N, C-alpha and C. Protein backbone atom coordinates (compact mmCIF):
# COMPACT_ATOMS: atom_id res chain seq x y z
N MET A 1 64.64 -2.51 81.74
CA MET A 1 64.66 -2.81 80.33
C MET A 1 64.57 -1.49 79.55
N PRO A 2 65.42 -1.26 78.59
CA PRO A 2 65.42 0.00 77.86
C PRO A 2 64.16 0.18 77.02
N SER A 3 63.80 1.41 76.81
CA SER A 3 62.64 1.71 75.98
C SER A 3 62.91 2.95 75.16
N MET A 4 62.16 3.10 74.05
CA MET A 4 62.26 4.28 73.21
C MET A 4 61.04 5.16 73.45
N VAL A 5 61.26 6.44 73.59
CA VAL A 5 60.18 7.39 73.77
C VAL A 5 60.16 8.27 72.53
N GLY A 6 59.01 8.33 71.87
CA GLY A 6 58.88 9.10 70.64
C GLY A 6 58.58 10.56 70.90
N PRO A 7 58.04 11.26 69.91
CA PRO A 7 57.71 12.67 70.07
C PRO A 7 56.69 12.89 71.18
N ILE A 8 56.89 13.95 71.94
CA ILE A 8 56.05 14.23 73.10
C ILE A 8 55.59 15.68 73.04
N LYS A 9 54.31 15.91 73.34
CA LYS A 9 53.77 17.26 73.46
C LYS A 9 53.01 17.34 74.78
N ILE A 10 53.43 18.20 75.67
CA ILE A 10 52.78 18.39 76.97
C ILE A 10 52.25 19.81 76.99
N ASN A 11 50.93 19.97 77.04
CA ASN A 11 50.35 21.31 77.10
C ASN A 11 50.40 21.88 78.51
N SER A 12 50.04 21.08 79.51
CA SER A 12 50.11 21.57 80.88
C SER A 12 50.12 20.38 81.83
N VAL A 13 50.69 20.60 83.00
CA VAL A 13 50.69 19.61 84.06
C VAL A 13 50.20 20.32 85.32
N ASP A 14 49.16 19.78 85.92
CA ASP A 14 48.59 20.41 87.10
C ASP A 14 48.63 19.42 88.25
N GLY A 15 49.72 19.43 89.00
CA GLY A 15 49.85 18.57 90.17
C GLY A 15 49.96 17.11 89.83
N GLY A 16 50.92 16.73 89.06
CA GLY A 16 51.08 15.34 88.68
C GLY A 16 52.52 14.98 88.45
N VAL A 17 52.75 13.73 88.06
CA VAL A 17 54.08 13.22 87.78
C VAL A 17 54.09 12.69 86.37
N ILE A 18 55.11 13.02 85.62
CA ILE A 18 55.26 12.52 84.25
C ILE A 18 56.43 11.56 84.24
N ASN A 19 56.18 10.34 83.76
CA ASN A 19 57.24 9.34 83.65
C ASN A 19 57.49 9.03 82.19
N PHE A 20 58.76 8.98 81.82
CA PHE A 20 59.15 8.60 80.47
C PHE A 20 59.95 7.31 80.55
N GLY A 21 59.69 6.40 79.66
CA GLY A 21 60.43 5.15 79.65
C GLY A 21 59.89 4.17 80.67
N ASP A 22 60.77 3.38 81.21
CA ASP A 22 60.37 2.34 82.17
C ASP A 22 60.07 2.96 83.53
N SER A 23 59.12 2.36 84.22
CA SER A 23 58.81 2.81 85.57
C SER A 23 58.57 1.59 86.44
N PHE A 24 59.09 1.63 87.64
CA PHE A 24 59.01 0.49 88.54
C PHE A 24 57.71 0.47 89.33
N TYR A 25 57.30 1.63 89.85
CA TYR A 25 56.15 1.67 90.75
C TYR A 25 55.39 2.96 90.52
N LEU A 26 54.11 2.85 90.21
CA LEU A 26 53.25 4.01 90.01
C LEU A 26 52.02 3.86 90.90
N ALA A 27 51.66 4.91 91.62
CA ALA A 27 50.48 4.88 92.47
C ALA A 27 49.88 6.28 92.52
N PRO A 28 48.56 6.39 92.48
CA PRO A 28 47.95 7.72 92.53
C PRO A 28 48.12 8.35 93.91
N LYS A 29 48.32 9.64 93.93
CA LYS A 29 48.46 10.37 95.18
C LYS A 29 47.18 11.08 95.57
N ALA A 30 46.27 11.22 94.64
CA ALA A 30 44.99 11.88 94.92
C ALA A 30 43.94 11.27 94.00
N SER A 31 42.70 11.42 94.39
CA SER A 31 41.61 10.94 93.55
C SER A 31 40.49 11.97 93.57
N SER A 32 39.81 12.09 92.45
CA SER A 32 38.72 13.05 92.35
C SER A 32 37.71 12.53 91.33
N LYS A 33 36.58 13.19 91.26
CA LYS A 33 35.53 12.77 90.34
C LYS A 33 35.03 13.99 89.60
N THR A 34 34.85 13.86 88.30
CA THR A 34 34.40 14.96 87.46
C THR A 34 33.21 14.51 86.64
N ASN A 35 32.19 15.34 86.59
CA ASN A 35 31.03 15.09 85.75
C ASN A 35 31.02 16.11 84.63
N ALA A 36 30.96 15.62 83.40
CA ALA A 36 30.93 16.52 82.25
C ALA A 36 30.08 15.90 81.15
N GLY A 37 29.54 16.72 80.31
CA GLY A 37 28.68 16.26 79.23
C GLY A 37 29.47 15.68 78.07
N SER A 38 28.76 15.27 77.07
CA SER A 38 29.37 14.63 75.90
C SER A 38 30.28 15.61 75.17
N GLY A 39 31.54 15.23 74.98
CA GLY A 39 32.50 16.05 74.26
C GLY A 39 33.05 17.22 75.04
N ALA A 40 32.80 17.30 76.34
CA ALA A 40 33.23 18.46 77.12
C ALA A 40 34.70 18.41 77.48
N LEU A 41 35.29 17.25 77.66
CA LEU A 41 36.67 17.14 78.12
C LEU A 41 37.63 16.69 77.03
N ASN A 42 37.30 16.94 75.78
CA ASN A 42 38.21 16.59 74.69
C ASN A 42 39.40 17.55 74.69
N THR A 43 40.58 17.01 74.41
CA THR A 43 41.79 17.83 74.33
C THR A 43 42.48 17.56 73.01
N GLY A 44 43.18 18.54 72.50
CA GLY A 44 43.92 18.37 71.26
C GLY A 44 44.02 19.69 70.53
N ASP A 45 44.61 19.64 69.36
CA ASP A 45 44.82 20.86 68.58
C ASP A 45 43.59 21.23 67.75
N PHE A 46 43.01 20.25 67.06
CA PHE A 46 41.86 20.52 66.19
C PHE A 46 40.71 19.62 66.62
N ILE A 47 39.74 20.19 67.31
CA ILE A 47 38.62 19.42 67.86
C ILE A 47 37.34 19.81 67.15
N ASN A 48 36.60 18.81 66.69
CA ASN A 48 35.30 19.03 66.08
C ASN A 48 34.34 18.03 66.70
N THR A 49 33.43 18.50 67.53
CA THR A 49 32.47 17.61 68.17
C THR A 49 31.07 17.94 67.68
N ASN A 50 30.34 16.92 67.32
CA ASN A 50 28.95 17.06 66.89
C ASN A 50 28.10 16.21 67.82
N ASN A 51 27.48 16.85 68.78
CA ASN A 51 26.69 16.14 69.78
C ASN A 51 25.22 16.51 69.62
N GLY A 52 24.41 15.49 69.71
CA GLY A 52 22.97 15.73 69.72
C GLY A 52 22.53 16.05 71.14
N LEU A 53 21.54 15.38 71.61
CA LEU A 53 21.05 15.56 72.97
C LEU A 53 22.01 14.88 73.93
N SER A 54 22.50 15.62 74.92
CA SER A 54 23.46 15.09 75.88
C SER A 54 22.96 15.36 77.29
N SER A 55 23.06 14.36 78.15
CA SER A 55 22.62 14.52 79.53
C SER A 55 23.64 13.86 80.45
N THR A 56 23.97 14.53 81.55
CA THR A 56 24.93 14.01 82.52
C THR A 56 24.23 13.92 83.87
N ASN A 57 24.34 12.76 84.51
CA ASN A 57 23.76 12.55 85.83
C ASN A 57 24.87 12.67 86.87
N PRO A 58 24.94 13.78 87.62
CA PRO A 58 26.03 13.95 88.59
C PRO A 58 25.79 13.26 89.93
N PHE A 59 24.67 12.60 90.11
CA PHE A 59 24.36 11.97 91.39
C PHE A 59 24.86 10.54 91.40
N ASP A 60 25.65 10.20 92.40
CA ASP A 60 26.24 8.87 92.52
C ASP A 60 25.92 8.32 93.91
N PRO A 61 25.25 7.18 94.00
CA PRO A 61 24.88 6.66 95.31
C PRO A 61 26.04 6.02 96.08
N ASP A 62 27.18 5.80 95.43
CA ASP A 62 28.33 5.21 96.12
C ASP A 62 28.91 6.19 97.13
N PHE A 63 29.41 5.65 98.23
CA PHE A 63 30.07 6.49 99.22
C PHE A 63 31.47 6.87 98.74
N LYS A 64 32.19 5.90 98.21
CA LYS A 64 33.56 6.11 97.75
C LYS A 64 33.78 5.33 96.46
N ASP A 65 34.42 5.94 95.49
CA ASP A 65 34.72 5.25 94.25
C ASP A 65 36.15 4.74 94.21
N GLN A 66 37.10 5.58 94.59
CA GLN A 66 38.50 5.20 94.57
C GLN A 66 39.19 5.82 95.77
N GLY A 67 39.74 5.02 96.63
CA GLY A 67 40.46 5.53 97.78
C GLY A 67 41.94 5.66 97.49
N ASN A 68 42.60 6.50 98.25
CA ASN A 68 44.05 6.64 98.09
C ASN A 68 44.78 6.39 99.40
N ILE A 69 44.24 5.51 100.22
CA ILE A 69 44.88 5.15 101.49
C ILE A 69 46.07 4.23 101.21
N GLY A 70 47.19 4.49 101.81
CA GLY A 70 48.36 3.64 101.66
C GLY A 70 49.26 4.03 100.50
N ASN A 71 48.94 5.08 99.77
CA ASN A 71 49.80 5.53 98.69
C ASN A 71 50.72 6.61 99.23
N ALA A 72 51.92 6.23 99.48
CA ALA A 72 52.87 7.20 100.06
C ALA A 72 53.65 7.92 99.00
């Protein structure tokens, strides 16, 4: 089915796939976990973050959060 893609701005791509328009099958090829504080991973041209007290707990009791078995 046809689709329209509007204005696009890509700052960087680090090991990924970019799809425009329709896509039949998407599956992650890798998985990772990142711990960051409040407002640490914001992206954009003009960023203004006002954070009070921020705390991040990097300890996770789970063995696995997201597997990538079977994604060829």
